[in-house]
């Protein structure tokens, strides 16, 4: 069984589906500026209020966007995998953000200097249209996450998170993830995550041991998840379908 924190051969930038969707001429304009970087589990990409230097395009990593309160408590507002990018504020009018970004799943990404990104975005070509569509998809995910955190159980939230993680890394069936990090993402107590994971394991949907979650029955998770998973997945699929249709 493949663990999703394994570091393998250097992936192509076009394993990121946004970069893959760019017409050849637009991709070539960025390619020489893209820098491959490994991302470790729990690595902080940026803190609230700090100036962002790079946009990050994950290929085999997943990054969790968090909102952090003054007391230090946090909750995930969205996840970003190979379908997206980290750093939309770089082309939406500012270089800083009130959120933070932490690596949820170790892997690889490509980073792009903010000046290069802004220069290409301001050309008002394919990259601009693509990133604006992605921003709309990200906003939908953030809104649905807020609703889910307020109205649905920890078990339903955990199912949503597991399913979205599997969608972003379809070849993986085992996730390396600490209870503390899951609890931080969902904005709940660690004990609540333990209880929810234990119940899903008793149903035969997952295999859970310290630091690892293996998915045994995806269909069972889909039944146990709330409607939020379907809403987010539909929006991501719509984005990618629109992108392919307009290449």
Protein backbone atom coordinates (compact mmCIF):
# COMPACT_ATOMS: atom_id res chain seq x y z
CA UNK A 1 0.00 0.00 0.00
CA UNK A 2 1.47 3.30 -1.08
CA UNK A 3 1.83 6.01 1.59
CA UNK A 4 1.08 9.47 0.28
CA UNK A 5 4.01 11.11 2.02
CA UNK A 6 6.50 9.12 -0.03
CA UNK A 7 8.95 11.25 -2.03
CA UNK A 8 9.37 9.82 -5.53
CA UNK A 9 10.90 11.04 -8.78
CA UNK A 10 10.65 14.72 -9.69
CA UNK A 11 7.20 15.28 -11.20
CA UNK A 12 6.44 17.42 -14.23
CA UNK A 13 4.98 20.90 -13.60
CA UNK A 14 2.04 19.78 -15.73
CA UNK A 15 1.02 17.30 -13.05
CA UNK A 16 -0.58 20.42 -11.64
CA UNK A 17 -3.87 20.63 -13.51
CA UNK A 18 -3.87 24.42 -13.77
CA UNK A 19 -0.45 24.44 -15.38
CA UNK A 20 -1.48 21.52 -17.59
CA UNK A 21 -4.51 23.47 -18.79
CA UNK A 22 -2.46 26.41 -20.10
CA UNK A 23 -1.98 26.63 -23.87
CA UNK A 24 1.58 25.70 -24.88
CA UNK A 25 2.64 29.30 -25.54
CA UNK A 26 1.44 30.48 -22.13
CA UNK A 27 2.98 27.53 -20.31
CA UNK A 28 6.32 28.07 -22.04
CA UNK A 29 6.36 31.68 -20.80
CA UNK A 30 6.18 30.38 -17.21
CA UNK A 31 8.19 27.17 -17.47
CA UNK A 32 11.66 28.72 -17.17
CA UNK A 33 10.59 30.47 -13.94
CA UNK A 34 9.02 27.46 -12.21
CA UNK A 35 11.10 26.04 -9.36
CA UNK A 36 10.56 22.51 -8.07
CA UNK A 37 10.33 22.27 -4.26
CA UNK A 38 9.71 19.39 -1.83
CA UNK A 39 7.07 20.07 0.83
CA UNK A 40 7.24 18.30 4.21
CA UNK A 41 4.24 17.33 6.35
CA UNK A 42 3.38 20.23 8.68
CA UNK A 43 5.61 22.72 6.86
CA UNK A 44 4.34 26.30 7.11
CA UNK A 45 4.36 28.04 3.73
CA UNK A 46 3.31 31.40 5.11
CA UNK A 47 1.97 32.95 8.30
CA UNK A 48 -0.88 35.49 8.59
CA UNK A 49 0.18 39.00 7.67
CA UNK A 50 3.54 38.05 6.13
CA UNK A 51 4.45 39.06 2.60
CA UNK A 52 4.17 36.21 0.15
CA UNK A 53 7.08 35.79 -2.24
CA UNK A 54 5.85 32.87 -4.32
CA UNK A 55 2.75 31.29 -5.73
CA UNK A 56 2.79 27.53 -5.13
CA UNK A 57 1.38 24.97 -7.58
CA UNK A 58 1.15 21.56 -5.84
CA UNK A 59 1.72 18.40 -7.88
CA UNK A 60 1.84 15.59 -5.31
CA UNK A 61 1.40 17.64 -2.11
CA UNK A 62 -1.74 19.04 -0.50
CA UNK A 63 -1.74 22.38 1.32
CA UNK A 64 -4.30 23.40 3.94
CA UNK A 65 -5.35 27.05 4.17
CA UNK A 66 -6.13 28.07 7.75
CA UNK A 67 -7.67 31.07 9.44
CA UNK A 68 -5.93 31.74 12.74
CA UNK A 69 -7.59 33.65 15.61
CA UNK A 70 -5.81 36.00 18.01
CA UNK A 71 -5.84 33.23 20.63
CA UNK A 72 -3.94 30.94 18.26
CA UNK A 73 -6.87 28.66 17.45
CA UNK A 74 -7.28 27.75 13.80
CA UNK A 75 -9.52 25.93 11.35
CA UNK A 76 -9.13 25.00 7.71
CA UNK A 77 -10.94 27.19 5.20
CA UNK A 78 -9.88 25.22 2.10
CA UNK A 79 -7.47 22.62 0.80
CA UNK A 80 -5.31 22.97 -2.31
CA UNK A 81 -3.95 20.01 -4.26
CA UNK A 82 -2.92 19.44 -7.84
CA UNK A 83 -6.14 21.11 -9.02
CA UNK A 84 -5.08 24.54 -7.79
CA UNK A 85 -2.55 26.99 -6.45
CA UNK A 86 -1.64 28.67 -3.18
CA UNK A 87 -1.38 32.46 -3.27
CA UNK A 88 -4.45 33.94 -4.98
CA UNK A 89 -3.90 37.19 -3.06
CA UNK A 90 -0.85 37.79 -5.25
CA UNK A 91 -3.06 38.61 -8.23
CA UNK A 92 -6.17 39.75 -6.34
CA UNK A 93 -4.72 42.99 -5.02
CA UNK A 94 -2.30 42.23 -2.20
CA UNK A 95 0.80 40.29 -1.25
CA UNK A 96 -0.36 39.38 2.26
CA UNK A 97 -3.31 37.45 3.67
CA UNK A 98 -5.00 36.95 7.02
CA UNK A 99 -4.77 33.17 6.65
CA UNK A 100 -1.88 30.73 6.91
CA UNK A 101 -0.90 27.78 4.71
CA UNK A 102 0.45 24.50 6.10
CA UNK A 103 1.35 21.29 4.26
CA UNK A 104 -1.33 18.69 4.95
CA UNK A 105 0.20 15.95 2.78
CA UNK A 106 3.91 15.81 2.00
CA UNK A 107 4.99 15.79 -1.62
CA UNK A 108 6.17 18.16 -4.30
CA UNK A 109 5.15 21.48 -5.80
CA UNK A 110 6.40 24.14 -8.16
CA UNK A 111 6.76 27.71 -6.99
CA UNK A 112 6.65 30.85 -9.10
CA UNK A 113 8.02 34.26 -8.12
CA UNK A 114 5.21 36.69 -7.37
CA UNK A 115 6.55 39.29 -9.81
CA UNK A 116 6.50 36.81 -12.69
CA UNK A 117 3.00 35.67 -11.77
CA UNK A 118 1.67 39.24 -11.66
CA UNK A 119 3.36 40.16 -14.92
CA UNK A 120 1.81 37.20 -16.74
CA UNK A 121 -1.57 37.71 -15.06
CA UNK A 122 -1.67 41.35 -16.17
CA UNK A 123 -1.32 40.30 -19.80
CA UNK A 124 -5.05 39.44 -19.56
CA UNK A 125 -4.54 36.19 -21.42
CA UNK A 126 -5.18 32.52 -20.72
CA UNK A 127 -3.45 32.55 -17.32
CA UNK A 128 -5.67 35.36 -16.04
CA UNK A 129 -8.86 33.63 -17.18
CA UNK A 130 -7.72 30.35 -15.64
CA UNK A 131 -6.76 31.83 -12.27
CA UNK A 132 -10.00 33.82 -12.00
CA UNK A 133 -12.00 30.63 -12.61
CA UNK A 134 -9.94 28.87 -9.98
CA UNK A 135 -10.53 31.68 -7.49
CA UNK A 136 -14.27 31.25 -7.93
CA UNK A 137 -13.90 27.53 -7.24
CA UNK A 138 -11.80 28.26 -4.15
CA UNK A 139 -14.39 30.70 -2.83
CA UNK A 140 -17.07 28.03 -3.19
CA UNK A 141 -14.94 25.60 -1.23
CA UNK A 142 -14.34 28.15 1.53
CA UNK A 143 -18.04 28.97 1.83
CA UNK A 144 -19.02 25.30 1.94
CA UNK A 145 -16.35 24.54 4.54
CA UNK A 146 -17.73 27.30 6.77
CA UNK A 147 -21.23 25.81 6.51
CA UNK A 148 -19.91 22.29 7.11
CA UNK A 149 -17.94 23.28 10.21
CA UNK A 150 -21.00 24.99 11.67
CA UNK A 151 -23.76 22.52 10.89
CA UNK A 152 -22.30 19.05 10.38
CA UNK A 153 -20.76 16.49 12.72
CA UNK A 154 -17.04 15.88 13.11
CA UNK A 155 -17.53 12.47 11.52
CA UNK A 156 -19.15 14.02 8.45
CA UNK A 157 -16.37 16.61 8.23
CA UNK A 158 -13.73 13.89 8.49
CA UNK A 159 -15.42 11.93 5.68
CA UNK A 160 -15.47 15.07 3.51
CA UNK A 161 -11.80 15.69 4.17
CA UNK A 162 -10.80 12.09 3.43
CA UNK A 163 -12.75 12.03 0.17
CA UNK A 164 -11.29 15.32 -1.07
CA UNK A 165 -7.81 14.10 -0.17
CA UNK A 166 -8.36 10.91 -2.17
CA UNK A 167 -9.61 12.94 -5.15
CA UNK A 168 -6.41 14.98 -5.12
CA UNK A 169 -4.19 11.88 -4.81
CA UNK A 170 -6.19 9.15 -6.55
CA UNK A 171 -3.43 6.52 -6.39
CA UNK A 172 -3.12 6.78 -2.61
CA UNK A 173 -5.09 4.76 -0.11
CA UNK A 174 -3.17 5.55 3.07
CA UNK A 175 -2.68 8.99 4.58
CA UNK A 176 0.07 9.99 6.98
CA UNK A 177 -1.68 12.42 9.30
CA UNK A 178 -1.47 13.19 13.01
CA UNK A 179 -4.58 13.66 15.14
CA UNK A 180 -3.32 17.11 16.08
CA UNK A 181 -3.14 18.24 12.46
CA UNK A 182 -6.59 16.86 11.59
CA UNK A 183 -8.07 18.49 14.69
CA UNK A 184 -6.42 21.79 13.76
CA UNK A 185 -7.80 21.63 10.23
CA UNK A 186 -11.33 20.87 11.38
CA UNK A 187 -11.15 23.29 14.31
CA UNK A 188 -12.19 20.63 16.86
CA UNK A 189 -10.67 18.82 19.84
CA UNK A 190 -8.28 15.94 19.18
CA UNK A 191 -10.57 13.63 21.18
CA UNK A 192 -13.39 14.36 18.74
CA UNK A 193 -11.20 13.25 15.84
CA UNK A 194 -10.28 10.07 17.73
CA UNK A 195 -13.95 9.26 18.34
CA UNK A 196 -14.97 9.95 14.74
CA UNK A 197 -12.10 7.92 13.28
CA UNK A 198 -12.83 5.09 15.70
CA UNK A 199 -16.45 4.90 14.60
CA UNK A 200 -15.53 4.92 10.90
CA UNK A 201 -13.07 2.12 11.61
CA UNK A 202 -15.75 0.08 13.42
CA UNK A 203 -17.90 0.39 10.28
CA UNK A 204 -15.04 -0.96 8.17
CA UNK A 205 -14.61 2.26 6.16
CA UNK A 206 -11.07 3.07 7.30
CA UNK A 207 -8.13 1.52 9.11
CA UNK A 208 -6.80 3.91 11.71
CA UNK A 209 -3.58 3.72 13.68
CA UNK A 210 -1.37 6.38 15.17
CA UNK A 211 -0.40 8.79 12.42
CA UNK A 212 -1.95 6.79 9.58
CA UNK A 213 -5.41 6.55 8.02
CA UNK A 214 -6.02 3.87 5.39
CA UNK A 215 -9.22 4.02 3.32
CA UNK A 216 -10.90 0.60 2.94
CA UNK A 217 -14.39 1.52 1.70
CA UNK A 218 -14.73 4.75 -0.27
CA UNK A 219 -18.41 4.12 -0.97
CA UNK A 220 -19.06 3.91 2.76
CA UNK A 221 -17.34 7.26 3.30
CA UNK A 222 -19.47 8.82 0.58
CA UNK A 223 -22.63 7.60 2.29
CA UNK A 224 -21.46 8.97 5.65
CA UNK A 225 -20.32 12.33 4.29
CA UNK A 226 -22.59 15.37 4.21
CA UNK A 227 -23.61 17.11 0.99
CA UNK A 228 -20.64 19.50 1.29
CA UNK A 229 -18.29 17.00 -0.33
CA UNK A 230 -20.48 16.79 -3.43
CA UNK A 231 -20.81 20.57 -3.70
CA UNK A 232 -17.05 21.13 -3.56
CA UNK A 233 -16.27 18.24 -5.93
CA UNK A 234 -18.84 19.44 -8.44
CA UNK A 235 -17.33 22.94 -8.46
CA UNK A 236 -13.78 21.62 -8.90
CA UNK A 237 -14.91 19.30 -11.72
CA UNK A 238 -16.78 22.18 -13.38
CA UNK A 239 -13.69 24.37 -13.24
CA UNK A 240 -11.52 21.72 -14.85
CA UNK A 241 -14.14 20.88 -17.49
CA UNK A 242 -14.47 24.56 -18.43
CA UNK A 243 -10.70 24.87 -18.62
CA UNK A 244 -10.35 21.88 -20.93
CA UNK A 245 -13.19 23.12 -23.14
CA UNK A 246 -11.53 26.52 -23.58
CA UNK A 247 -7.97 25.37 -24.23
